[in-house]
C-alpha cells in the first residue's frame, strides 16, 4: 500500500464444516441454543480451519463449544455421511463472496452419561440434554434433525445390537 500500512486479507470461513451429535448411552442428545439466533437449537457445528483433518475439526469444535474433551470419551466417530445445503443468507457474509453452499460432515460423540458443559458465551446462550426424539424436533437445521433421527439406527448398526 502506498501509505505503508499493511492490510491482512479477509479471513473467510471455509464452506466445509462438521456436525457433531453428542449423546449419552440412553440416547439423550446435547443441544446448544445459538447466541446469534436465540430460540434456535443445534448440535455442535463448525467450519474446518485450513487443511485441518475433519476429525480434528470435530474434536476442536466440541471442546471450543462445550468444554468436553472428545478423547476422554473415546473420540469422535465419523459417520461417513455428508450433507450439502444452502448457507442461510444471514450467515453468508462469513464466507467468500459468491459462496452459497456448504458441505457438512456428520460425526457423533458418545458419552456414558450427561457430562458437564462449559459453553462458549459468544456462541451459545444455554444447553440442554433431551431425549433424542425431542432433540430432533427442536433442531432448526434439517441436517441436524436427520442425524439425530438416524442415531438409534446408526448405533444399532455400529454395535451390532438392536
N, C-alpha and C. Protein backbone atom coordinates (compact mmCIF):
# COMPACT_ATOMS: atom_id res chain seq x y z
N UNK A 1 0.85 -1.17 0.00
CA UNK A 1 0.00 0.00 0.00
C UNK A 1 0.89 1.24 0.00
N UNK A 2 0.42 2.28 -0.61
CA UNK A 2 1.23 3.49 -0.73
C UNK A 2 1.48 4.17 0.60
N UNK A 3 0.55 4.06 1.54
CA UNK A 3 0.73 4.73 2.83
C UNK A 3 1.61 3.93 3.78
N UNK A 4 2.10 2.78 3.34
CA UNK A 4 2.98 1.98 4.17
C UNK A 4 2.25 1.03 5.10
N UNK A 5 0.92 1.12 5.18
CA UNK A 5 0.20 0.22 6.07
C UNK A 5 0.02 -1.13 5.40
N UNK A 6 -0.16 -2.13 6.21
CA UNK A 6 -0.37 -3.48 5.72
C UNK A 6 -1.76 -3.93 6.14
N UNK A 7 -2.51 -4.43 5.18
CA UNK A 7 -3.85 -4.93 5.48
C UNK A 7 -3.86 -6.43 5.29
N UNK A 8 -4.34 -7.12 6.27
CA UNK A 8 -4.49 -8.58 6.17
C UNK A 8 -5.66 -8.88 5.26
N UNK A 9 -5.55 -9.91 4.44
CA UNK A 9 -6.71 -10.30 3.63
C UNK A 9 -7.83 -10.77 4.55
N UNK A 10 -9.06 -10.58 4.10
CA UNK A 10 -10.21 -11.03 4.90
C UNK A 10 -10.12 -12.54 5.08
N UNK A 11 -10.38 -13.00 6.28
CA UNK A 11 -10.36 -14.44 6.56
C UNK A 11 -11.80 -14.94 6.56
N UNK A 12 -12.11 -15.69 5.56
CA UNK A 12 -13.46 -16.23 5.44
C UNK A 12 -13.50 -17.66 5.95
N UNK A 13 -14.68 -18.05 6.39
CA UNK A 13 -14.90 -19.45 6.78
C UNK A 13 -14.90 -20.32 5.54
N UNK A 14 -14.41 -21.53 5.68
CA UNK A 14 -14.50 -22.49 4.59
C UNK A 14 -15.92 -23.03 4.51
N UNK A 15 -16.42 -23.30 3.33
CA UNK A 15 -17.75 -23.90 3.21
C UNK A 15 -17.67 -25.43 3.38
N UNK A 16 -16.86 -25.83 4.36
CA UNK A 16 -16.69 -27.23 4.74
C UNK A 16 -16.80 -27.26 6.25
N UNK A 17 -17.76 -28.02 6.77
CA UNK A 17 -18.00 -27.99 8.20
C UNK A 17 -18.26 -29.38 8.75
N UNK A 18 -18.36 -29.43 10.08
CA UNK A 18 -18.72 -30.67 10.78
C UNK A 18 -19.98 -30.42 11.61
N UNK A 19 -20.72 -31.50 11.80
CA UNK A 19 -21.86 -31.55 12.72
C UNK A 19 -21.52 -32.70 13.67
N UNK A 20 -21.53 -32.43 14.98
CA UNK A 20 -21.21 -33.47 15.95
C UNK A 20 -22.40 -33.65 16.89
N UNK A 21 -23.03 -34.81 16.82
CA UNK A 21 -24.15 -35.14 17.71
C UNK A 21 -23.55 -35.80 18.95
N UNK A 22 -23.64 -35.11 20.07
CA UNK A 22 -23.15 -35.64 21.35
C UNK A 22 -24.34 -36.28 22.05
N UNK A 23 -24.16 -37.55 22.46
CA UNK A 23 -25.29 -38.27 23.05
C UNK A 23 -24.82 -39.23 24.14
N UNK A 24 -25.74 -39.54 25.04
CA UNK A 24 -25.48 -40.49 26.11
C UNK A 24 -25.83 -41.90 25.65
N UNK A 25 -25.48 -42.86 26.47
CA UNK A 25 -25.79 -44.26 26.15
C UNK A 25 -27.30 -44.49 26.04
N UNK A 26 -28.09 -43.73 26.81
CA UNK A 26 -29.55 -43.89 26.74
C UNK A 26 -30.19 -42.89 25.76
N UNK A 27 -29.38 -42.39 24.84
CA UNK A 27 -29.82 -41.54 23.73
C UNK A 27 -30.42 -40.20 24.15
N UNK A 28 -29.82 -39.59 25.14
CA UNK A 28 -30.12 -38.19 25.44
C UNK A 28 -29.10 -37.37 24.64
N UNK A 29 -29.58 -36.37 23.93
CA UNK A 29 -28.75 -35.61 23.00
C UNK A 29 -28.54 -34.19 23.53
N UNK A 30 -27.31 -33.75 23.46
CA UNK A 30 -26.96 -32.39 23.88
C UNK A 30 -27.27 -31.41 22.75
N UNK A 31 -28.06 -30.38 23.06
CA UNK A 31 -28.31 -29.30 22.11
C UNK A 31 -27.89 -27.98 22.73
N UNK A 32 -27.46 -27.07 21.87
CA UNK A 32 -26.98 -25.75 22.27
C UNK A 32 -27.87 -24.68 21.64
N UNK A 33 -28.20 -23.65 22.41
CA UNK A 33 -29.00 -22.55 21.87
C UNK A 33 -28.05 -21.48 21.33
N UNK A 34 -28.21 -21.14 20.07
CA UNK A 34 -27.31 -20.17 19.42
C UNK A 34 -27.45 -18.78 20.02
N UNK A 35 -26.33 -18.12 20.26
CA UNK A 35 -26.34 -16.74 20.75
C UNK A 35 -26.78 -15.78 19.65
N UNK A 36 -26.40 -16.07 18.39
CA UNK A 36 -26.75 -15.18 17.29
C UNK A 36 -28.09 -15.51 16.64
N UNK A 37 -28.82 -16.45 17.25
CA UNK A 37 -30.13 -16.86 16.72
C UNK A 37 -30.93 -17.43 17.89
N UNK A 38 -31.21 -16.60 18.92
CA UNK A 38 -31.88 -17.08 20.13
C UNK A 38 -33.16 -17.86 19.82
N UNK A 39 -33.36 -18.92 20.60
CA UNK A 39 -34.52 -19.77 20.41
C UNK A 39 -34.28 -20.88 19.40
N UNK A 40 -33.10 -20.91 18.79
CA UNK A 40 -32.76 -21.92 17.80
C UNK A 40 -31.68 -22.83 18.36
N UNK A 41 -31.95 -24.11 18.31
CA UNK A 41 -31.11 -25.12 18.94
C UNK A 41 -30.40 -25.98 17.91
N UNK A 42 -29.21 -26.44 18.27
CA UNK A 42 -28.43 -27.28 17.37
C UNK A 42 -27.41 -28.10 18.15
N UNK A 43 -26.84 -29.07 17.46
CA UNK A 43 -25.69 -29.81 17.98
C UNK A 43 -24.45 -28.96 17.73
N UNK A 44 -23.30 -29.46 18.10
CA UNK A 44 -22.04 -28.77 17.84
C UNK A 44 -21.82 -28.73 16.33
N UNK A 45 -21.45 -27.56 15.83
CA UNK A 45 -21.12 -27.39 14.41
C UNK A 45 -19.92 -26.47 14.30
N UNK A 46 -19.25 -26.53 13.18
CA UNK A 46 -18.16 -25.59 12.95
C UNK A 46 -17.42 -25.87 11.67
N UNK A 47 -16.74 -24.85 11.19
CA UNK A 47 -16.01 -24.93 9.93
C UNK A 47 -14.59 -25.41 10.13
N UNK A 48 -14.09 -26.09 9.11
CA UNK A 48 -12.71 -26.56 9.11
C UNK A 48 -11.77 -25.36 8.96
N UNK A 49 -10.64 -25.41 9.64
CA UNK A 49 -9.58 -24.42 9.50
C UNK A 49 -8.53 -24.94 8.54
N UNK A 50 -8.20 -24.17 7.54
CA UNK A 50 -7.16 -24.51 6.58
C UNK A 50 -7.34 -25.94 6.06
N UNK A 51 -6.30 -26.77 6.17
CA UNK A 51 -6.40 -28.15 5.69
C UNK A 51 -6.49 -29.13 6.86
N UNK A 52 -7.04 -28.66 7.96
CA UNK A 52 -7.21 -29.46 9.17
C UNK A 52 -7.99 -30.75 8.86
N UNK A 53 -7.53 -31.90 9.35
CA UNK A 53 -8.32 -33.13 9.17
C UNK A 53 -9.70 -32.95 9.82
N UNK A 54 -10.72 -33.50 9.18
CA UNK A 54 -12.08 -33.27 9.66
C UNK A 54 -12.34 -33.84 11.05
N UNK A 55 -11.71 -34.97 11.40
CA UNK A 55 -11.92 -35.48 12.76
C UNK A 55 -11.32 -34.53 13.79
N UNK A 56 -10.25 -33.86 13.43
CA UNK A 56 -9.66 -32.85 14.32
C UNK A 56 -10.57 -31.63 14.42
N UNK A 57 -11.18 -31.25 13.30
CA UNK A 57 -12.15 -30.15 13.32
C UNK A 57 -13.28 -30.49 14.28
N UNK A 58 -13.80 -31.71 14.18
CA UNK A 58 -14.91 -32.13 15.04
C UNK A 58 -14.52 -32.08 16.51
N UNK A 59 -13.38 -32.63 16.86
CA UNK A 59 -12.92 -32.63 18.26
C UNK A 59 -12.66 -31.21 18.75
N UNK A 60 -12.07 -30.37 17.89
CA UNK A 60 -11.80 -28.98 18.27
C UNK A 60 -13.09 -28.23 18.53
N UNK A 61 -14.06 -28.37 17.64
CA UNK A 61 -15.33 -27.67 17.83
C UNK A 61 -16.04 -28.14 19.10
N UNK A 62 -15.97 -29.43 19.40
CA UNK A 62 -16.60 -29.94 20.62
C UNK A 62 -16.00 -29.26 21.85
N UNK A 63 -14.69 -29.20 21.93
CA UNK A 63 -14.07 -28.59 23.12
C UNK A 63 -14.30 -27.08 23.14
N UNK A 64 -14.25 -26.42 21.98
CA UNK A 64 -14.47 -24.97 21.95
C UNK A 64 -15.89 -24.60 22.38
N UNK A 65 -16.88 -25.39 21.93
CA UNK A 65 -18.27 -25.03 22.18
C UNK A 65 -18.83 -25.59 23.48
N UNK A 66 -18.24 -26.68 23.99
CA UNK A 66 -18.82 -27.33 25.18
C UNK A 66 -17.84 -27.57 26.32
N UNK A 67 -16.55 -27.49 26.04
CA UNK A 67 -15.55 -27.82 27.05
C UNK A 67 -15.33 -29.32 27.20
N UNK A 68 -16.06 -30.12 26.44
CA UNK A 68 -15.92 -31.58 26.51
C UNK A 68 -14.71 -32.00 25.67
N UNK A 69 -13.83 -32.79 26.26
CA UNK A 69 -12.66 -33.29 25.55
C UNK A 69 -13.02 -34.65 24.96
N UNK A 70 -13.14 -34.68 23.65
CA UNK A 70 -13.64 -35.88 22.96
C UNK A 70 -12.82 -37.12 23.26
N UNK A 71 -11.49 -37.00 23.35
CA UNK A 71 -10.65 -38.17 23.57
C UNK A 71 -10.89 -38.81 24.94
N UNK A 72 -11.42 -38.05 25.88
CA UNK A 72 -11.74 -38.61 27.21
C UNK A 72 -12.97 -39.52 27.15
N UNK A 73 -13.66 -39.50 26.01
CA UNK A 73 -14.87 -40.31 25.84
C UNK A 73 -14.74 -41.26 24.65
N UNK A 74 -13.52 -41.52 24.23
CA UNK A 74 -13.29 -42.44 23.12
C UNK A 74 -13.13 -41.77 21.77
N UNK A 75 -13.35 -40.48 21.70
CA UNK A 75 -13.17 -39.74 20.45
C UNK A 75 -14.43 -39.64 19.62
N UNK A 76 -14.37 -38.75 18.64
CA UNK A 76 -15.50 -38.57 17.74
C UNK A 76 -15.55 -39.73 16.74
N UNK A 77 -16.75 -40.02 16.27
CA UNK A 77 -16.96 -41.11 15.32
C UNK A 77 -17.45 -40.52 14.01
N UNK A 78 -16.74 -40.83 12.94
CA UNK A 78 -17.09 -40.34 11.60
C UNK A 78 -18.19 -41.22 11.03
N UNK A 79 -19.33 -40.65 10.72
CA UNK A 79 -20.44 -41.39 10.15
C UNK A 79 -20.27 -41.61 8.65
N UNK A 80 -19.23 -41.00 8.07
CA UNK A 80 -19.01 -41.12 6.62
C UNK A 80 -20.25 -40.66 5.85
N UNK A 81 -20.87 -39.60 6.38
CA UNK A 81 -22.07 -39.02 5.80
C UNK A 81 -21.82 -37.53 5.58
N UNK A 82 -22.23 -37.04 4.43
CA UNK A 82 -22.12 -35.61 4.17
C UNK A 82 -23.48 -35.07 3.75
N UNK A 83 -23.68 -33.81 4.05
CA UNK A 83 -24.87 -33.08 3.63
C UNK A 83 -24.40 -31.82 2.91
N UNK A 84 -25.08 -31.47 1.86
CA UNK A 84 -24.80 -30.21 1.17
C UNK A 84 -26.06 -29.37 1.27
N UNK A 85 -25.87 -28.14 1.72
CA UNK A 85 -27.03 -27.28 1.89
C UNK A 85 -26.68 -25.83 1.59
N UNK A 86 -27.73 -25.07 1.34
CA UNK A 86 -27.56 -23.64 1.09
C UNK A 86 -27.30 -22.94 2.42
N UNK A 87 -26.32 -22.07 2.43
CA UNK A 87 -25.99 -21.30 3.63
C UNK A 87 -27.07 -20.23 3.81
N UNK A 88 -27.60 -20.13 5.03
CA UNK A 88 -28.60 -19.11 5.32
C UNK A 88 -28.03 -17.73 4.94
N UNK A 89 -28.85 -16.91 4.32
CA UNK A 89 -28.43 -15.58 3.89
C UNK A 89 -27.84 -14.78 5.06
N UNK A 90 -28.36 -14.96 6.26
CA UNK A 90 -27.89 -14.20 7.43
C UNK A 90 -26.44 -14.50 7.78
N UNK A 91 -25.89 -15.63 7.30
CA UNK A 91 -24.52 -16.01 7.62
C UNK A 91 -23.58 -16.01 6.42
N UNK A 92 -24.06 -15.64 5.25
CA UNK A 92 -23.21 -15.70 4.05
C UNK A 92 -22.03 -14.73 4.11
N UNK A 93 -22.16 -13.65 4.86
CA UNK A 93 -21.05 -12.68 4.95
C UNK A 93 -19.80 -13.30 5.57
N UNK A 94 -19.94 -14.42 6.24
CA UNK A 94 -18.80 -15.10 6.86
C UNK A 94 -17.95 -15.87 5.84
N UNK A 95 -18.48 -16.04 4.65
CA UNK A 95 -17.84 -16.84 3.60
C UNK A 95 -17.39 -15.92 2.47
N UNK A 96 -16.48 -16.42 1.64
CA UNK A 96 -16.00 -15.65 0.50
C UNK A 96 -17.18 -15.24 -0.38
N UNK A 97 -17.09 -14.06 -0.98
CA UNK A 97 -18.18 -13.61 -1.86
C UNK A 97 -18.52 -14.67 -2.90
N UNK A 98 -19.82 -14.86 -3.10
CA UNK A 98 -20.30 -15.83 -4.07
C UNK A 98 -20.51 -17.22 -3.52
N UNK A 99 -20.07 -17.47 -2.28
CA UNK A 99 -20.24 -18.79 -1.68
C UNK A 99 -21.68 -18.91 -1.17
N UNK A 100 -22.39 -19.91 -1.66
CA UNK A 100 -23.80 -20.06 -1.27
C UNK A 100 -24.10 -21.41 -0.63
N UNK A 101 -23.19 -22.40 -0.79
CA UNK A 101 -23.46 -23.73 -0.26
C UNK A 101 -22.32 -24.24 0.61
N UNK A 102 -22.64 -25.12 1.51
CA UNK A 102 -21.70 -25.71 2.46
C UNK A 102 -21.81 -27.23 2.39
N UNK A 103 -20.68 -27.89 2.59
CA UNK A 103 -20.67 -29.35 2.71
C UNK A 103 -20.36 -29.69 4.16
N UNK A 104 -21.27 -30.40 4.79
CA UNK A 104 -21.19 -30.73 6.22
C UNK A 104 -20.91 -32.22 6.37
N UNK A 105 -19.96 -32.54 7.26
CA UNK A 105 -19.58 -33.93 7.55
C UNK A 105 -20.11 -34.28 8.93
N UNK A 106 -20.80 -35.42 9.03
CA UNK A 106 -21.50 -35.79 10.26
C UNK A 106 -20.64 -36.71 11.13
N UNK A 107 -20.58 -36.37 12.41
CA UNK A 107 -19.87 -37.13 13.43
C UNK A 107 -20.77 -37.29 14.64
N UNK A 108 -20.40 -38.20 15.51
CA UNK A 108 -21.07 -38.30 16.81
C UNK A 108 -20.00 -38.43 17.88
N UNK A 109 -20.40 -38.15 19.11
CA UNK A 109 -19.55 -38.34 20.27
C UNK A 109 -20.40 -38.98 21.35
N UNK A 110 -20.24 -40.30 21.56
CA UNK A 110 -20.97 -40.94 22.64
C UNK A 110 -20.29 -40.67 23.98
N UNK A 111 -21.09 -40.34 24.97
CA UNK A 111 -20.62 -40.19 26.35
C UNK A 111 -21.49 -41.10 27.20
N UNK A 112 -20.94 -41.65 28.27
CA UNK A 112 -21.70 -42.61 29.08
C UNK A 112 -22.96 -41.99 29.67
N UNK A 113 -22.79 -40.81 30.26
CA UNK A 113 -23.89 -40.11 30.92
C UNK A 113 -23.76 -38.62 30.58
N UNK A 114 -24.77 -37.85 30.95
CA UNK A 114 -24.70 -36.40 30.75
C UNK A 114 -23.47 -35.87 31.47
N UNK A 115 -22.62 -35.17 30.74
CA UNK A 115 -21.40 -34.62 31.31
C UNK A 115 -21.54 -33.12 31.45
N UNK A 116 -20.74 -32.52 32.35
CA UNK A 116 -20.81 -31.05 32.49
C UNK A 116 -20.42 -30.37 31.18
N UNK A 117 -21.06 -29.24 30.93
CA UNK A 117 -20.83 -28.47 29.71
C UNK A 117 -20.40 -27.06 30.10
N UNK A 118 -19.37 -26.57 29.41
CA UNK A 118 -18.91 -25.19 29.57
C UNK A 118 -19.11 -24.51 28.22
N UNK A 119 -20.11 -23.64 28.15
CA UNK A 119 -20.47 -23.00 26.88
C UNK A 119 -19.47 -21.91 26.50
N UNK A 120 -19.32 -21.72 25.19
CA UNK A 120 -18.62 -20.56 24.65
C UNK A 120 -19.66 -19.44 24.60
N UNK A 121 -19.59 -18.46 25.52
CA UNK A 121 -20.68 -17.48 25.64
C UNK A 121 -20.95 -16.64 24.40
N UNK A 122 -19.96 -16.43 23.55
CA UNK A 122 -20.20 -15.67 22.32
C UNK A 122 -20.97 -16.50 21.30
N UNK A 123 -20.96 -17.83 21.48
CA UNK A 123 -21.62 -18.70 20.51
C UNK A 123 -22.97 -19.24 20.97
N UNK A 124 -23.09 -19.50 22.28
CA UNK A 124 -24.31 -20.16 22.77
C UNK A 124 -24.81 -19.55 24.07
N UNK A 125 -26.14 -19.54 24.20
CA UNK A 125 -26.78 -18.98 25.38
C UNK A 125 -27.03 -20.02 26.46
N UNK A 126 -27.40 -21.24 26.04
CA UNK A 126 -27.72 -22.28 27.01
C UNK A 126 -27.57 -23.64 26.34
N UNK A 127 -27.69 -24.67 27.18
CA UNK A 127 -27.62 -26.03 26.66
C UNK A 127 -28.63 -26.88 27.41
N UNK A 128 -28.94 -28.00 26.80
CA UNK A 128 -29.85 -28.94 27.46
C UNK A 128 -29.68 -30.32 26.84
N UNK A 129 -29.82 -31.33 27.68
CA UNK A 129 -29.82 -32.72 27.23
C UNK A 129 -31.28 -33.14 27.07
N UNK A 130 -31.66 -33.59 25.87
CA UNK A 130 -33.02 -34.00 25.60
C UNK A 130 -33.04 -35.44 25.10
N UNK A 131 -34.14 -36.18 25.36
CA UNK A 131 -34.31 -37.47 24.70
C UNK A 131 -34.21 -37.24 23.18
N UNK A 132 -33.66 -38.22 22.45
CA UNK A 132 -33.34 -38.00 21.05
C UNK A 132 -34.51 -37.52 20.20
N UNK A 133 -35.73 -38.02 20.46
CA UNK A 133 -36.88 -37.59 19.66
C UNK A 133 -37.18 -36.11 19.90
N UNK A 134 -37.11 -35.69 21.16
CA UNK A 134 -37.35 -34.28 21.49
C UNK A 134 -36.25 -33.39 20.92
N UNK A 135 -35.01 -33.86 20.99
CA UNK A 135 -33.89 -33.09 20.44
C UNK A 135 -34.07 -32.89 18.95
N UNK A 136 -34.43 -33.94 18.25
CA UNK A 136 -34.63 -33.84 16.80
C UNK A 136 -35.71 -32.81 16.48
N UNK A 137 -36.78 -32.82 17.25
CA UNK A 137 -37.89 -31.90 17.00
C UNK A 137 -37.51 -30.44 17.25
N UNK A 138 -36.49 -30.20 18.07
CA UNK A 138 -36.10 -28.83 18.42
C UNK A 138 -35.05 -28.22 17.49
N UNK A 139 -34.41 -29.05 16.67
CA UNK A 139 -33.35 -28.54 15.79
C UNK A 139 -33.94 -27.70 14.67
N UNK A 140 -33.32 -26.56 14.40
CA UNK A 140 -33.79 -25.73 13.30
C UNK A 140 -33.20 -26.18 11.97
N UNK A 141 -32.15 -26.97 12.01
CA UNK A 141 -31.47 -27.44 10.80
C UNK A 141 -31.97 -28.83 10.41
N UNK A 142 -32.37 -28.98 9.15
CA UNK A 142 -32.84 -30.29 8.68
C UNK A 142 -31.75 -31.34 8.78
N UNK A 143 -30.49 -30.97 8.53
CA UNK A 143 -29.43 -31.97 8.57
C UNK A 143 -29.16 -32.43 10.00
N UNK A 144 -29.28 -31.52 10.95
CA UNK A 144 -29.11 -31.87 12.35
C UNK A 144 -30.25 -32.77 12.80
N UNK A 145 -31.47 -32.40 12.43
CA UNK A 145 -32.65 -33.22 12.76
C UNK A 145 -32.50 -34.63 12.21
N UNK A 146 -32.12 -34.73 10.94
CA UNK A 146 -32.00 -36.04 10.30
C UNK A 146 -30.92 -36.89 10.96
N UNK A 147 -29.80 -36.28 11.35
CA UNK A 147 -28.74 -37.03 12.02
C UNK A 147 -29.23 -37.58 13.35
N UNK A 148 -29.96 -36.77 14.11
CA UNK A 148 -30.47 -37.23 15.41
C UNK A 148 -31.51 -38.33 15.20
N UNK A 149 -32.37 -38.18 14.20
CA UNK A 149 -33.36 -39.22 13.94
C UNK A 149 -32.70 -40.54 13.52
N UNK A 150 -31.54 -40.47 12.89
CA UNK A 150 -30.82 -41.67 12.46
C UNK A 150 -29.99 -42.28 13.58
N UNK A 151 -29.85 -41.59 14.69
CA UNK A 151 -28.97 -42.03 15.78
C UNK A 151 -29.25 -43.45 16.26
N UNK A 152 -30.49 -43.83 16.61
CA UNK A 152 -30.72 -45.20 17.10
C UNK A 152 -30.32 -46.26 16.07
N UNK A 153 -30.65 -46.02 14.82
CA UNK A 153 -30.31 -46.98 13.76
C UNK A 153 -28.80 -47.04 13.55
N UNK A 154 -28.16 -45.89 13.58
CA UNK A 154 -26.71 -45.83 13.38
C UNK A 154 -25.99 -46.59 14.50
N UNK A 155 -26.43 -46.37 15.74
CA UNK A 155 -25.80 -47.06 16.88
C UNK A 155 -26.02 -48.56 16.76
N UNK A 156 -27.22 -48.99 16.41
CA UNK A 156 -27.50 -50.40 16.26
C UNK A 156 -26.59 -51.03 15.20
N UNK A 157 -26.41 -50.35 14.07
CA UNK A 157 -25.55 -50.88 13.01
C UNK A 157 -24.08 -50.91 13.45
N UNK A 158 -23.66 -49.90 14.18
CA UNK A 158 -22.25 -49.81 14.61
C UNK A 158 -21.92 -50.83 15.69
N UNK A 159 -22.89 -51.15 16.53
CA UNK A 159 -22.63 -52.05 17.65
C UNK A 159 -23.11 -53.48 17.40
N UNK A 160 -23.93 -53.64 16.37
CA UNK A 160 -24.49 -54.97 16.09
C UNK A 160 -25.62 -55.34 17.04
N UNK A 161 -26.12 -54.33 17.77
CA UNK A 161 -27.24 -54.58 18.70
C UNK A 161 -28.46 -53.81 18.23
N UNK A 162 -29.64 -54.42 18.42
CA UNK A 162 -30.88 -53.72 18.02
C UNK A 162 -31.21 -52.57 18.95
